[in-house]
Every structure is written in structure tokens, then in C-alpha cells.
Amino acid sequence: MIDIKLLADDPDRVKASQAARGDDPALVDQVLDADAKRRAALTEFEQLRARQKSMGKEIASAQGEEKQKLLHETKSIAAEVKRLQATADEMVATRDELLMSIGNVIIDGVP
């Protein structure tokens, strides 16, 4: 499997290699798109997870209606965290599956 870092750092080189093999260079863009979606989901996941953890202290000190509001918000954040984790996992699977379809980069002068 080709290294995602090489793909991200030099996509044109990998696209040229794909074309030289007669394979679809658009796979490179699909891999990069899946990886970007994975990164975005993980970033949002981490932000919400941090918010979720900090809310514990707020809930402990809250009273009455405010406490119920915070508990409800915590539940909705938990659901969103699960959704984002599932999205990130799905994008990893998609990215890795597509990466398996990309051959090694052709090096000039090597038969």
C-alpha cells in the first residue's frame, strides 16, 4: 500500500505514475478526499469530546433547570461524538481500500 504522506505531499507524481500504468489517476483525488473528510471528522470529534469532558464540572455545580439543560446538551454531544467517530472510521476504511488500488510510484530509469 502506498504511503498516504507521499500521496498528500506529491499527488501529481502519483497521478503521473497511475497514468503511466494505465490506471485511473482520479483514484488519487478520491483517496485525498476521503483522508480530508477523516481529518475533518476527527478534528470536530476531538473538539466535541473536549467540550463533553469539560461539561462534567459544569453539571456538578449546576442546579435545577440549568442542570437539566446541561444534561440534555451532554446527551446530544454524545450522540454527535458517536456519529463523528463512525464517520472517521468509515473514511479510514474507504481511504485504505482506495489506497490498495494505487500501485507503487514508477521511478524513471528503473525497469
PDB file of N, CA and C in Angstrom:
ATOM      1  N   MET A   1       0.860  -1.175   0.000  1.00  0.00           N
ATOM      2  CA  MET A   1       0.000   0.000   0.000  1.00  0.00           C
ATOM      3  C   MET A   1       0.904   1.236   0.000  1.00  0.00           C
ATOM      4  N   ILE A   2       0.540   2.201  -0.801  1.00  0.00           N
ATOM      5  CA  ILE A   2       1.318   3.437  -0.927  1.00  0.00           C
ATOM      6  C   ILE A   2       1.136   4.286   0.337  1.00  0.00           C
ATOM      7  N   ASP A   3       2.177   4.995   0.698  1.00  0.00           N
ATOM      8  CA  ASP A   3       2.161   5.842   1.893  1.00  0.00           C
ATOM      9  C   ASP A   3       1.280   7.071   1.653  1.00  0.00           C
ATOM     10  N   ILE A   4       0.353   7.321   2.566  1.00  0.00           N
ATOM     11  CA  ILE A   4      -0.565   8.456   2.438  1.00  0.00           C
ATOM     12  C   ILE A   4       0.206   9.776   2.454  1.00  0.00           C
ATOM     13  N   LYS A   5       1.329   9.813   3.167  1.00  0.00           N
ATOM     14  CA  LYS A   5       2.130  11.039   3.222  1.00  0.00           C
ATOM     15  C   LYS A   5       2.700  11.362   1.842  1.00  0.00           C
ATOM     16  N   LEU A   6       3.210  10.356   1.134  1.00  0.00           N
ATOM     17  CA  LEU A   6       3.718  10.572  -0.221  1.00  0.00           C
ATOM     18  C   LEU A   6       2.596  11.064  -1.121  1.00  0.00           C
ATOM     19  N   LEU A   7       1.459  10.462  -0.974  1.00  0.00           N
ATOM     20  CA  LEU A   7       0.300  10.833  -1.786  1.00  0.00           C
ATOM     21  C   LEU A   7      -0.106  12.284  -1.522  1.00  0.00           C
ATOM     22  N   ALA A   8      -0.118  12.675  -0.262  1.00  0.00           N
ATOM     23  CA  ALA A   8      -0.516  14.041   0.097  1.00  0.00           C
ATOM     24  C   ALA A   8       0.550  15.061  -0.294  1.00  0.00           C
ATOM     25  N   ASP A   9       1.819  14.685  -0.150  1.00  0.00           N
ATOM     26  CA  ASP A   9       2.913  15.615  -0.441  1.00  0.00           C
ATOM     27  C   ASP A   9       3.138  15.820  -1.935  1.00  0.00           C
ATOM     28  N   ASP A  10       2.914  14.773  -2.726  1.00  0.00           N
ATOM     29  CA  ASP A  10       3.211  14.861  -4.160  1.00  0.00           C
ATOM     30  C   ASP A  10       2.145  14.136  -4.986  1.00  0.00           C
ATOM     31  N   PRO A  11       0.918  14.631  -4.962  1.00  0.00           N
ATOM     32  CA  PRO A  11      -0.153  13.931  -5.675  1.00  0.00           C
ATOM     33  C   PRO A  11       0.055  13.890  -7.190  1.00  0.00           C
ATOM     34  N   ASP A  12       0.694  14.913  -7.746  1.00  0.00           N
ATOM     35  CA  ASP A  12       0.910  14.928  -9.196  1.00  0.00           C
ATOM     36  C   ASP A  12       1.836  13.797  -9.633  1.00  0.00           C
ATOM     37  N   ARG A  13       2.839  13.525  -8.840  1.00  0.00           N
ATOM     38  CA  ARG A  13       3.765  12.424  -9.142  1.00  0.00           C
ATOM     39  C   ARG A  13       3.030  11.082  -9.122  1.00  0.00           C
ATOM     40  N   VAL A  14       2.171  10.897  -8.140  1.00  0.00           N
ATOM     41  CA  VAL A  14       1.422   9.643  -8.036  1.00  0.00           C
ATOM     42  C   VAL A  14       0.402   9.546  -9.171  1.00  0.00           C
ATOM     43  N   LYS A  15      -0.227  10.663  -9.517  1.00  0.00           N
ATOM     44  CA  LYS A  15      -1.173  10.665 -10.643  1.00  0.00           C
ATOM     45  C   LYS A  15      -0.459  10.301 -11.943  1.00  0.00           C
ATOM     46  N   ALA A  16       0.729  10.863 -12.148  1.00  0.00           N
ATOM     47  CA  ALA A  16       1.503  10.555 -13.353  1.00  0.00           C
ATOM     48  C   ALA A  16       1.871   9.076 -13.387  1.00  0.00           C
ATOM     49  N   SER A  17       2.216   8.533 -12.242  1.00  0.00           N
ATOM     50  CA  SER A  17       2.546   7.114 -12.154  1.00  0.00           C
ATOM     51  C   SER A  17       1.327   6.253 -12.479  1.00  0.00           C
ATOM     52  N   GLN A  18       0.182   6.652 -11.949  1.00  0.00           N
ATOM     53  CA  GLN A  18      -1.060   5.924 -12.245  1.00  0.00           C
ATOM     54  C   GLN A  18      -1.347   5.946 -13.745  1.00  0.00           C
ATOM     55  N   ALA A  19      -1.211   7.111 -14.351  1.00  0.00           N
ATOM     56  CA  ALA A  19      -1.473   7.248 -15.786  1.00  0.00           C
ATOM     57  C   ALA A  19      -0.487   6.408 -16.595  1.00  0.00           C
ATOM     58  N   ALA A  20       0.792   6.383 -16.182  1.00  0.00           N
ATOM     59  CA  ALA A  20       1.807   5.601 -16.886  1.00  0.00           C
ATOM     60  C   ALA A  20       1.500   4.104 -16.822  1.00  0.00           C
ATOM     61  N   ARG A  21       0.855   3.668 -15.777  1.00  0.00           N
ATOM     62  CA  ARG A  21       0.466   2.265 -15.633  1.00  0.00           C
ATOM     63  C   ARG A  21      -0.830   1.944 -16.381  1.00  0.00           C
ATOM     64  N   GLY A  22      -1.507   2.993 -16.826  1.00  0.00           N
ATOM     65  CA  GLY A  22      -2.800   2.788 -17.471  1.00  0.00           C
ATOM     66  C   GLY A  22      -3.938   2.703 -16.467  1.00  0.00           C
ATOM     67  N   ASP A  23      -3.660   3.121 -15.242  1.00  0.00           N
ATOM     68  CA  ASP A  23      -4.675   3.116 -14.183  1.00  0.00           C
ATOM     69  C   ASP A  23      -5.298   4.503 -14.065  1.00  0.00           C
ATOM     70  N   ASP A  24      -6.374   4.576 -13.333  1.00  0.00           N
ATOM     71  CA  ASP A  24      -7.128   5.823 -13.196  1.00  0.00           C
ATOM     72  C   ASP A  24      -6.445   6.783 -12.215  1.00  0.00           C
ATOM     73  N   PRO A  25      -5.954   7.931 -12.693  1.00  0.00           N
ATOM     74  CA  PRO A  25      -5.330   8.902 -11.790  1.00  0.00           C
ATOM     75  C   PRO A  25      -6.332   9.563 -10.836  1.00  0.00           C
ATOM     76  N   ALA A  26      -7.622   9.477 -11.130  1.00  0.00           N
ATOM     77  CA  ALA A  26      -8.641  10.071 -10.257  1.00  0.00           C
ATOM     78  C   ALA A  26      -8.689   9.383  -8.897  1.00  0.00           C
ATOM     79  N   LEU A  27      -8.155   8.171  -8.797  1.00  0.00           N
ATOM     80  CA  LEU A  27      -8.100   7.481  -7.500  1.00  0.00           C
ATOM     81  C   LEU A  27      -7.337   8.306  -6.472  1.00  0.00           C
ATOM     82  N   VAL A  28      -6.323   9.009  -6.934  1.00  0.00           N
ATOM     83  CA  VAL A  28      -5.513   9.835  -6.031  1.00  0.00           C
ATOM     84  C   VAL A  28      -6.390  10.894  -5.373  1.00  0.00           C
ATOM     85  N   ASP A  29      -7.213  11.567  -6.176  1.00  0.00           N
ATOM     86  CA  ASP A  29      -8.110  12.588  -5.628  1.00  0.00           C
ATOM     87  C   ASP A  29      -9.138  11.981  -4.683  1.00  0.00           C
ATOM     88  N   GLN A  30      -9.615  10.790  -5.004  1.00  0.00           N
ATOM     89  CA  GLN A  30     -10.594  10.121  -4.144  1.00  0.00           C
ATOM     90  C   GLN A  30      -9.980   9.778  -2.789  1.00  0.00           C
ATOM     91  N   VAL A  31      -8.738   9.309  -2.806  1.00  0.00           N
ATOM     92  CA  VAL A  31      -8.042   8.997  -1.549  1.00  0.00           C
ATOM     93  C   VAL A  31      -7.843  10.264  -0.725  1.00  0.00           C
ATOM     94  N   LEU A  32      -7.385  11.324  -1.380  1.00  0.00           N
ATOM     95  CA  LEU A  32      -7.149  12.583  -0.668  1.00  0.00           C
ATOM     96  C   LEU A  32      -8.446  13.161  -0.112  1.00  0.00           C
ATOM     97  N   ASP A  33      -9.540  13.008  -0.847  1.00  0.00           N
ATOM     98  CA  ASP A  33     -10.843  13.481  -0.379  1.00  0.00           C
ATOM     99  C   ASP A  33     -11.292  12.697   0.857  1.00  0.00           C
ATOM    100  N   ALA A  34     -11.158  11.376   0.805  1.00  0.00           N
ATOM    101  CA  ALA A  34     -11.533  10.546   1.957  1.00  0.00           C
ATOM    102  C   ALA A  34     -10.675  10.887   3.169  1.00  0.00           C
ATOM    103  N   ASP A  35      -9.385  11.133   2.948  1.00  0.00           N
ATOM    104  CA  ASP A  35      -8.499  11.476   4.058  1.00  0.00           C
ATOM    105  C   ASP A  35      -8.845  12.844   4.640  1.00  0.00           C
ATOM    106  N   ALA A  36      -9.202  13.798   3.783  1.00  0.00           N
ATOM    107  CA  ALA A  36      -9.603  15.129   4.264  1.00  0.00           C
ATOM    108  C   ALA A  36     -10.879  15.038   5.098  1.00  0.00           C
ATOM    109  N   LYS A  37     -11.829  14.222   4.656  1.00  0.00           N
ATOM    110  CA  LYS A  37     -13.069  14.042   5.421  1.00  0.00           C
ATOM    111  C   LYS A  37     -12.784  13.370   6.755  1.00  0.00           C
ATOM    112  N   ARG A  38     -11.853  12.412   6.760  1.00  0.00           N
ATOM    113  CA  ARG A  38     -11.478  11.739   8.007  1.00  0.00           C
ATOM    114  C   ARG A  38     -10.865  12.740   8.976  1.00  0.00           C
ATOM    115  N   ARG A  39      -9.961  13.561   8.475  1.00  0.00           N
ATOM    116  CA  ARG A  39      -9.310  14.558   9.327  1.00  0.00           C
ATOM    117  C   ARG A  39     -10.317  15.569   9.882  1.00  0.00           C
ATOM    118  N   ALA A  40     -11.245  16.003   9.049  1.00  0.00           N
ATOM    119  CA  ALA A  40     -12.263  16.961   9.494  1.00  0.00           C
ATOM    120  C   ALA A  40     -13.146  16.346  10.575  1.00  0.00           C
ATOM    121  N   ALA A  41     -13.546  15.095  10.371  1.00  0.00           N
ATOM    122  CA  ALA A  41     -14.389  14.418  11.360  1.00  0.00           C
ATOM    123  C   ALA A  41     -13.640  14.244  12.674  1.00  0.00           C
ATOM    124  N   LEU A  42     -12.361  13.886  12.601  1.00  0.00           N
ATOM    125  CA  LEU A  42     -11.577  13.712  13.824  1.00  0.00           C
ATOM    126  C   LEU A  42     -11.360  15.027  14.561  1.00  0.00           C
ATOM    127  N   THR A  43     -11.149  16.098  13.824  1.00  0.00           N
ATOM    128  CA  THR A  43     -10.970  17.409  14.455  1.00  0.00           C
ATOM    129  C   THR A  43     -12.229  17.810  15.212  1.00  0.00           C
ATOM    130  N   GLU A  44     -13.366  17.681  14.546  1.00  0.00           N
ATOM    131  CA  GLU A  44     -14.632  18.028  15.197  1.00  0.00           C
ATOM    132  C   GLU A  44     -14.913  17.085  16.361  1.00  0.00           C
ATOM    133  N   PHE A  45     -14.605  15.796  16.178  1.00  0.00           N
ATOM    134  CA  PHE A  45     -14.773  14.801  17.235  1.00  0.00           C
ATOM    135  C   PHE A  45     -13.980  15.206  18.474  1.00  0.00           C
ATOM    136  N   GLU A  46     -12.717  15.570  18.285  1.00  0.00           N
ATOM    137  CA  GLU A  46     -11.863  15.933  19.412  1.00  0.00           C
ATOM    138  C   GLU A  46     -12.353  17.197  20.119  1.00  0.00           C
ATOM    139  N   GLN A  47     -12.846  18.163  19.350  1.00  0.00           N
ATOM    140  CA  GLN A  47     -13.373  19.388  19.951  1.00  0.00           C
ATOM    141  C   GLN A  47     -14.619  19.091  20.788  1.00  0.00           C
ATOM    142  N   LEU A  48     -15.520  18.294  20.233  1.00  0.00           N
ATOM    143  CA  LEU A  48     -16.737  17.954  20.974  1.00  0.00           C
ATOM    144  C   LEU A  48     -16.425  17.093  22.187  1.00  0.00           C
ATOM    145  N   ARG A  49     -15.466  16.207  22.046  1.00  0.00           N
ATOM    146  CA  ARG A  49     -15.079  15.342  23.164  1.00  0.00           C
ATOM    147  C   ARG A  49     -14.516  16.193  24.307  1.00  0.00           C
ATOM    148  N   ALA A  50     -13.717  17.192  23.970  1.00  0.00           N
ATOM    149  CA  ALA A  50     -13.177  18.091  24.992  1.00  0.00           C
ATOM    150  C   ALA A  50     -14.306  18.866  25.665  1.00  0.00           C
ATOM    151  N   ARG A  51     -15.262  19.332  24.872  1.00  0.00           N
ATOM    152  CA  ARG A  51     -16.418  20.053  25.419  1.00  0.00           C
ATOM    153  C   ARG A  51     -17.220  19.134  26.337  1.00  0.00           C
ATOM    154  N   GLN A  52     -17.390  17.900  25.912  1.00  0.00           N
ATOM    155  CA  GLN A  52     -18.143  16.922  26.692  1.00  0.00           C
ATOM    156  C   GLN A  52     -17.478  16.696  28.056  1.00  0.00           C
ATOM    157  N   LYS A  53     -16.168  16.587  28.062  1.00  0.00           N
ATOM    158  CA  LYS A  53     -15.449  16.365  29.317  1.00  0.00           C
ATOM    159  C   LYS A  53     -15.523  17.583  30.234  1.00  0.00           C
ATOM    160  N   SER A  54     -15.431  18.778  29.654  1.00  0.00           N
ATOM    161  CA  SER A  54     -15.471  19.985  30.484  1.00  0.00           C
ATOM    162  C   SER A  54     -16.864  20.225  31.067  1.00  0.00           C
ATOM    163  N   MET A  55     -17.876  19.703  30.406  1.00  0.00           N
ATOM    164  CA  MET A  55     -19.241  19.900  30.900  1.00  0.00           C
ATOM    165  C   MET A  55     -19.497  19.151  32.201  1.00  0.00           C
ATOM    166  N   GLY A  56     -18.708  18.139  32.489  1.00  0.00           N
ATOM    167  CA  GLY A  56     -18.877  17.389  33.730  1.00  0.00           C
ATOM    168  C   GLY A  56     -18.796  18.282  34.953  1.00  0.00           C
ATOM    169  N   LYS A  57     -17.839  19.190  34.964  1.00  0.00           N
ATOM    170  CA  LYS A  57     -17.677  20.116  36.087  1.00  0.00           C
ATOM    171  C   LYS A  57     -18.840  21.098  36.151  1.00  0.00           C
ATOM    172  N   GLU A  58     -19.288  21.549  34.978  1.00  0.00           N
ATOM    173  CA  GLU A  58     -20.417  22.477  34.936  1.00  0.00           C
ATOM    174  C   GLU A  58     -21.680  21.811  35.487  1.00  0.00           C
ATOM    175  N   ILE A  59     -21.889  20.566  35.118  1.00  0.00           N
ATOM    176  CA  ILE A  59     -23.082  19.834  35.570  1.00  0.00           C
ATOM    177  C   ILE A  59     -23.044  19.646  37.081  1.00  0.00           C
ATOM    178  N   ALA A  60     -21.863  19.343  37.602  1.00  0.00           N
ATOM    179  CA  ALA A  60     -21.731  19.119  39.043  1.00  0.00           C
ATOM    180  C   ALA A  60     -22.091  20.361  39.849  1.00  0.00           C
ATOM    181  N   SER A  61     -21.785  21.533  39.317  1.00  0.00           N
ATOM    182  CA  SER A  61     -22.062  22.757  40.069  1.00  0.00           C
ATOM    183  C   SER A  61     -23.411  23.391  39.717  1.00  0.00           C
ATOM    184  N   ALA A  62     -24.071  22.902  38.689  1.00  0.00           N
ATOM    185  CA  ALA A  62     -25.353  23.480  38.263  1.00  0.00           C
ATOM    186  C   ALA A  62     -26.495  22.986  39.151  1.00  0.00           C
ATOM    187  N   GLN A  63     -27.577  23.757  39.139  1.00  0.00           N
ATOM    188  CA  GLN A  63     -28.757  23.423  39.938  1.00  0.00           C
ATOM    189  C   GLN A  63     -30.002  23.462  39.064  1.00  0.00           C
ATOM    190  N   GLY A  64     -30.971  22.636  39.397  1.00  0.00           N
ATOM    191  CA  GLY A  64     -32.302  22.697  38.803  1.00  0.00           C
ATOM    192  C   GLY A  64     -32.363  22.633  37.294  1.00  0.00           C
ATOM    193  N   GLU A  65     -33.047  23.640  36.734  1.00  0.00           N
ATOM    194  CA  GLU A  65     -33.303  23.672  35.298  1.00  0.00           C
ATOM    195  C   GLU A  65     -32.005  23.774  34.493  1.00  0.00           C
ATOM    196  N   GLU A  66     -31.061  24.526  35.004  1.00  0.00           N
ATOM    197  CA  GLU A  66     -29.768  24.663  34.314  1.00  0.00           C
ATOM    198  C   GLU A  66     -29.065  23.309  34.211  1.00  0.00           C
ATOM    199  N   LYS A  67     -29.159  22.526  35.283  1.00  0.00           N
ATOM    200  CA  LYS A  67     -28.533  21.202  35.285  1.00  0.00           C
ATOM    201  C   LYS A  67     -29.195  20.303  34.243  1.00  0.00           C
ATOM    202  N   GLN A  68     -30.522  20.352  34.151  1.00  0.00           N
ATOM    203  CA  GLN A  68     -31.245  19.543  33.167  1.00  0.00           C
ATOM    204  C   GLN A  68     -30.874  19.951  31.742  1.00  0.00           C
ATOM    205  N   LYS A  69     -30.735  21.246  31.547  1.00  0.00           N
ATOM    206  CA  LYS A  69     -30.339  21.752  30.226  1.00  0.00           C
ATOM    207  C   LYS A  69     -28.954  21.222  29.848  1.00  0.00           C
ATOM    208  N   LEU A  70     -28.024  21.270  30.789  1.00  0.00           N
ATOM    209  CA  LEU A  70     -26.671  20.774  30.539  1.00  0.00           C
ATOM    210  C   LEU A  70     -26.656  19.266  30.292  1.00  0.00           C
ATOM    211  N   LEU A  71     -27.470  18.531  31.027  1.00  0.00           N
ATOM    212  CA  LEU A  71     -27.556  17.080  30.821  1.00  0.00           C
ATOM    213  C   LEU A  71     -28.091  16.760  29.428  1.00  0.00           C
ATOM    214  N   HIS A  72     -29.091  17.506  29.006  1.00  0.00           N
ATOM    215  CA  HIS A  72     -29.649  17.307  27.664  1.00  0.00           C
ATOM    216  C   HIS A  72     -28.591  17.620  26.600  1.00  0.00           C
ATOM    217  N   GLU A  73     -27.860  18.714  26.809  1.00  0.00           N
ATOM    218  CA  GLU A  73     -26.806  19.092  25.863  1.00  0.00           C
ATOM    219  C   GLU A  73     -25.712  18.025  25.815  1.00  0.00           C
ATOM    220  N   THR A  74     -25.382  17.466  26.964  1.00  0.00           N
ATOM    221  CA  THR A  74     -24.374  16.413  27.027  1.00  0.00           C
ATOM    222  C   THR A  74     -24.806  15.195  26.219  1.00  0.00           C
ATOM    223  N   LYS A  75     -26.083  14.849  26.307  1.00  0.00           N
ATOM    224  CA  LYS A  75     -26.588  13.698  25.544  1.00  0.00           C
ATOM    225  C   LYS A  75     -26.506  13.953  24.045  1.00  0.00           C
ATOM    226  N   SER A  76     -26.842  15.162  23.623  1.00  0.00           N
ATOM    227  CA  SER A  76     -26.774  15.460  22.188  1.00  0.00           C
ATOM    228  C   SER A  76     -25.320  15.495  21.710  1.00  0.00           C
ATOM    229  N   ILE A  77     -24.421  15.972  22.554  1.00  0.00           N
ATOM    230  CA  ILE A  77     -22.999  15.963  22.198  1.00  0.00           C
ATOM    231  C   ILE A  77     -22.497  14.527  22.100  1.00  0.00           C
ATOM    232  N   ALA A  78     -22.925  13.679  23.015  1.00  0.00           N
ATOM    233  CA  ALA A  78     -22.507  12.274  22.984  1.00  0.00           C
ATOM    234  C   ALA A  78     -22.948  11.598  21.689  1.00  0.00           C
ATOM    235  N   ALA A  79     -24.159  11.886  21.252  1.00  0.00           N
ATOM    236  CA  ALA A  79     -24.652  11.308  20.000  1.00  0.00           C
ATOM    237  C   ALA A  79     -23.834  11.816  18.814  1.00  0.00           C
ATOM    238  N   GLU A  80     -23.503  13.085  18.827  1.00  0.00           N
ATOM    239  CA  GLU A  80     -22.705  13.670  17.742  1.00  0.00           C
ATOM    240  C   GLU A  80     -21.286  13.100  17.749  1.00  0.00           C
ATOM    241  N   VAL A  81     -20.725  12.887  18.933  1.00  0.00           N
ATOM    242  CA  VAL A  81     -19.392  12.293  19.054  1.00  0.00           C
ATOM    243  C   VAL A  81     -19.389  10.896  18.440  1.00  0.00           C
ATOM    244  N   LYS A  82     -20.413  10.111  18.737  1.00  0.00           N
ATOM    245  CA  LYS A  82     -20.514   8.758  18.168  1.00  0.00           C
ATOM    246  C   LYS A  82     -20.633   8.817  16.652  1.00  0.00           C
ATOM    247  N   ARG A  83     -21.421   9.754  16.147  1.00  0.00           N
ATOM    248  CA  ARG A  83     -21.607   9.882  14.699  1.00  0.00           C
ATOM    249  C   ARG A  83     -20.292  10.259  14.022  1.00  0.00           C
ATOM    250  N   LEU A  84     -19.576  11.197  14.618  1.00  0.00           N
ATOM    251  CA  LEU A  84     -18.303  11.631  14.042  1.00  0.00           C
ATOM    252  C   LEU A  84     -17.255  10.521  14.077  1.00  0.00           C
ATOM    253  N   GLN A  85     -17.250   9.742  15.140  1.00  0.00           N
ATOM    254  CA  GLN A  85     -16.317   8.614  15.221  1.00  0.00           C
ATOM    255  C   GLN A  85     -16.633   7.593  14.133  1.00  0.00           C
ATOM    256  N   ALA A  86     -17.918   7.330  13.919  1.00  0.00           N
ATOM    257  CA  ALA A  86     -18.325   6.396  12.868  1.00  0.00           C
ATOM    258  C   ALA A  86     -17.937   6.927  11.488  1.00  0.00           C
ATOM    259  N   THR A  87     -18.111   8.223  11.276  1.00  0.00           N
ATOM    260  CA  THR A  87     -17.724   8.836  10.001  1.00  0.00           C
ATOM    261  C   THR A  87     -16.224   8.705   9.779  1.00  0.00           C
ATOM    262  N   ALA A  88     -15.441   8.987  10.805  1.00  0.00           N
ATOM    263  CA  ALA A  88     -13.984   8.875  10.689  1.00  0.00           C
ATOM    264  C   ALA A  88     -13.578   7.437  10.382  1.00  0.00           C
ATOM    265  N   ASP A  89     -14.194   6.476  11.064  1.00  0.00           N
ATOM    266  CA  ASP A  89     -13.893   5.065  10.820  1.00  0.00           C
ATOM    267  C   ASP A  89     -14.245   4.662   9.390  1.00  0.00           C
ATOM    268  N   GLU A  90     -15.379   5.146   8.919  1.00  0.00           N
ATOM    269  CA  GLU A  90     -15.815   4.848   7.551  1.00  0.00           C
ATOM    270  C   GLU A  90     -14.840   5.437   6.531  1.00  0.00           C
ATOM    271  N   MET A  91     -14.376   6.656   6.784  1.00  0.00           N
ATOM    272  CA  MET A  91     -13.439   7.297   5.860  1.00  0.00           C
ATOM    273  C   MET A  91     -12.078   6.600   5.863  1.00  0.00           C
ATOM    274  N   VAL A  92     -11.659   6.075   7.008  1.00  0.00           N
ATOM    275  CA  VAL A  92     -10.410   5.307   7.069  1.00  0.00           C
ATOM    276  C   VAL A  92     -10.542   4.055   6.208  1.00  0.00           C
ATOM    277  N   ALA A  93     -11.663   3.365   6.338  1.00  0.00           N
ATOM    278  CA  ALA A  93     -11.885   2.154   5.546  1.00  0.00           C
ATOM    279  C   ALA A  93     -11.914   2.475   4.056  1.00  0.00           C
ATOM    280  N   THR A  94     -12.606   3.542   3.689  1.00  0.00           N
ATOM    281  CA  THR A  94     -12.681   3.952   2.282  1.00  0.00           C
ATOM    282  C   THR A  94     -11.304   4.334   1.762  1.00  0.00           C
ATOM    283  N   ARG A  95     -10.605   5.149   2.536  1.00  0.00           N
ATOM    284  CA  ARG A  95      -9.262   5.585   2.131  1.00  0.00           C
ATOM    285  C   ARG A  95      -8.330   4.394   1.941  1.00  0.00           C
ATOM    286  N   ASP A  96      -8.323   3.481   2.900  1.00  0.00           N
ATOM    287  CA  ASP A  96      -7.424   2.334   2.820  1.00  0.00           C
ATOM    288  C   ASP A  96      -7.776   1.412   1.653  1.00  0.00           C
ATOM    289  N   GLU A  97      -9.065   1.246   1.403  1.00  0.00           N
ATOM    290  CA  GLU A  97      -9.493   0.426   0.269  1.00  0.00           C
ATOM    291  C   GLU A  97      -9.016   1.047  -1.046  1.00  0.00           C
ATOM    292  N   LEU A  98      -9.163   2.356  -1.166  1.00  0.00           N
ATOM    293  CA  LEU A  98      -8.705   3.046  -2.375  1.00  0.00           C
ATOM    294  C   LEU A  98      -7.179   3.016  -2.494  1.00  0.00           C
ATOM    295  N   LEU A  99      -6.496   3.155  -1.367  1.00  0.00           N
ATOM    296  CA  LEU A  99      -5.032   3.112  -1.386  1.00  0.00           C
ATOM    297  C   LEU A  99      -4.518   1.780  -1.922  1.00  0.00           C
ATOM    298  N   MET A 100      -5.243   0.712  -1.619  1.00  0.00           N
ATOM    299  CA  MET A 100      -4.846  -0.613  -2.100  1.00  0.00           C
ATOM    300  C   MET A 100      -4.932  -0.702  -3.625  1.00  0.00           C
ATOM    301  N   SER A 101      -5.695   0.176  -4.241  1.00  0.00           N
ATOM    302  CA  SER A 101      -5.860   0.173  -5.696  1.00  0.00           C
ATOM    303  C   SER A 101      -4.773   0.969  -6.413  1.00  0.00           C
ATOM    304  N   ILE A 102      -3.979   1.703  -5.662  1.00  0.00           N
ATOM    305  CA  ILE A 102      -2.929   2.532  -6.259  1.00  0.00           C
ATOM    306  C   ILE A 102      -1.614   1.766  -6.200  1.00  0.00           C
ATOM    307  N   GLY A 103      -0.980   1.636  -7.361  1.00  0.00           N
ATOM    308  CA  GLY A 103       0.296   0.926  -7.428  1.00  0.00           C
ATOM    309  C   GLY A 103       1.442   1.772  -6.910  1.00  0.00           C
ATOM    310  N   ASN A 104       2.586   1.124  -6.732  1.00  0.00           N
ATOM    311  CA  ASN A 104       3.784   1.853  -6.325  1.00  0.00           C
ATOM    312  C   ASN A 104       4.132   2.893  -7.379  1.00  0.00           C
ATOM    313  N   VAL A 105       4.803   3.926  -6.949  1.00  0.00           N
ATOM    314  CA  VAL A 105       5.182   5.007  -7.855  1.00  0.00           C
ATOM    315  C   VAL A 105       6.301   4.524  -8.774  1.00  0.00           C
ATOM    316  N   ILE A 106       6.106   4.765 -10.058  1.00  0.00           N
ATOM    317  CA  ILE A 106       7.118   4.400 -11.047  1.00  0.00           C
ATOM    318  C   ILE A 106       8.287   5.372 -10.929  1.00  0.00           C
ATOM    319  N   ILE A 107       9.490   4.816 -10.907  1.00  0.00           N
ATOM    320  CA  ILE A 107      10.696   5.631 -10.826  1.00  0.00           C
ATOM    321  C   ILE A 107      11.379   5.576 -12.185  1.00  0.00           C
ATOM    322  N   ASP A 108      11.656   6.740 -12.749  1.00  0.00           N
ATOM    323  CA  ASP A 108      12.320   6.799 -14.055  1.00  0.00           C
ATOM    324  C   ASP A 108      13.654   6.062 -14.012  1.00  0.00           C
ATOM    325  N   GLY A 109      13.909   5.280 -15.048  1.00  0.00           N
ATOM    326  CA  GLY A 109      15.181   4.571 -15.151  1.00  0.00           C
ATOM    327  C   GLY A 109      15.184   3.209 -14.491  1.00  0.00           C
ATOM    328  N   VAL A 110      14.120   2.862 -13.796  1.00  0.00           N
ATOM    329  CA  VAL A 110      14.032   1.548 -13.160  1.00  0.00           C
ATOM    330  C   VAL A 110      13.060   0.704 -13.976  1.00  0.00           C
ATOM    331  N   PRO A 111      13.525  -0.462 -14.457  1.00  0.00           N
ATOM    332  CA  PRO A 111      12.642  -1.285 -15.308  1.00  0.00           C
ATOM    333  C   PRO A 111      11.479  -1.886 -14.558  1.00  0.00           C
TER     334      PRO A 111
END
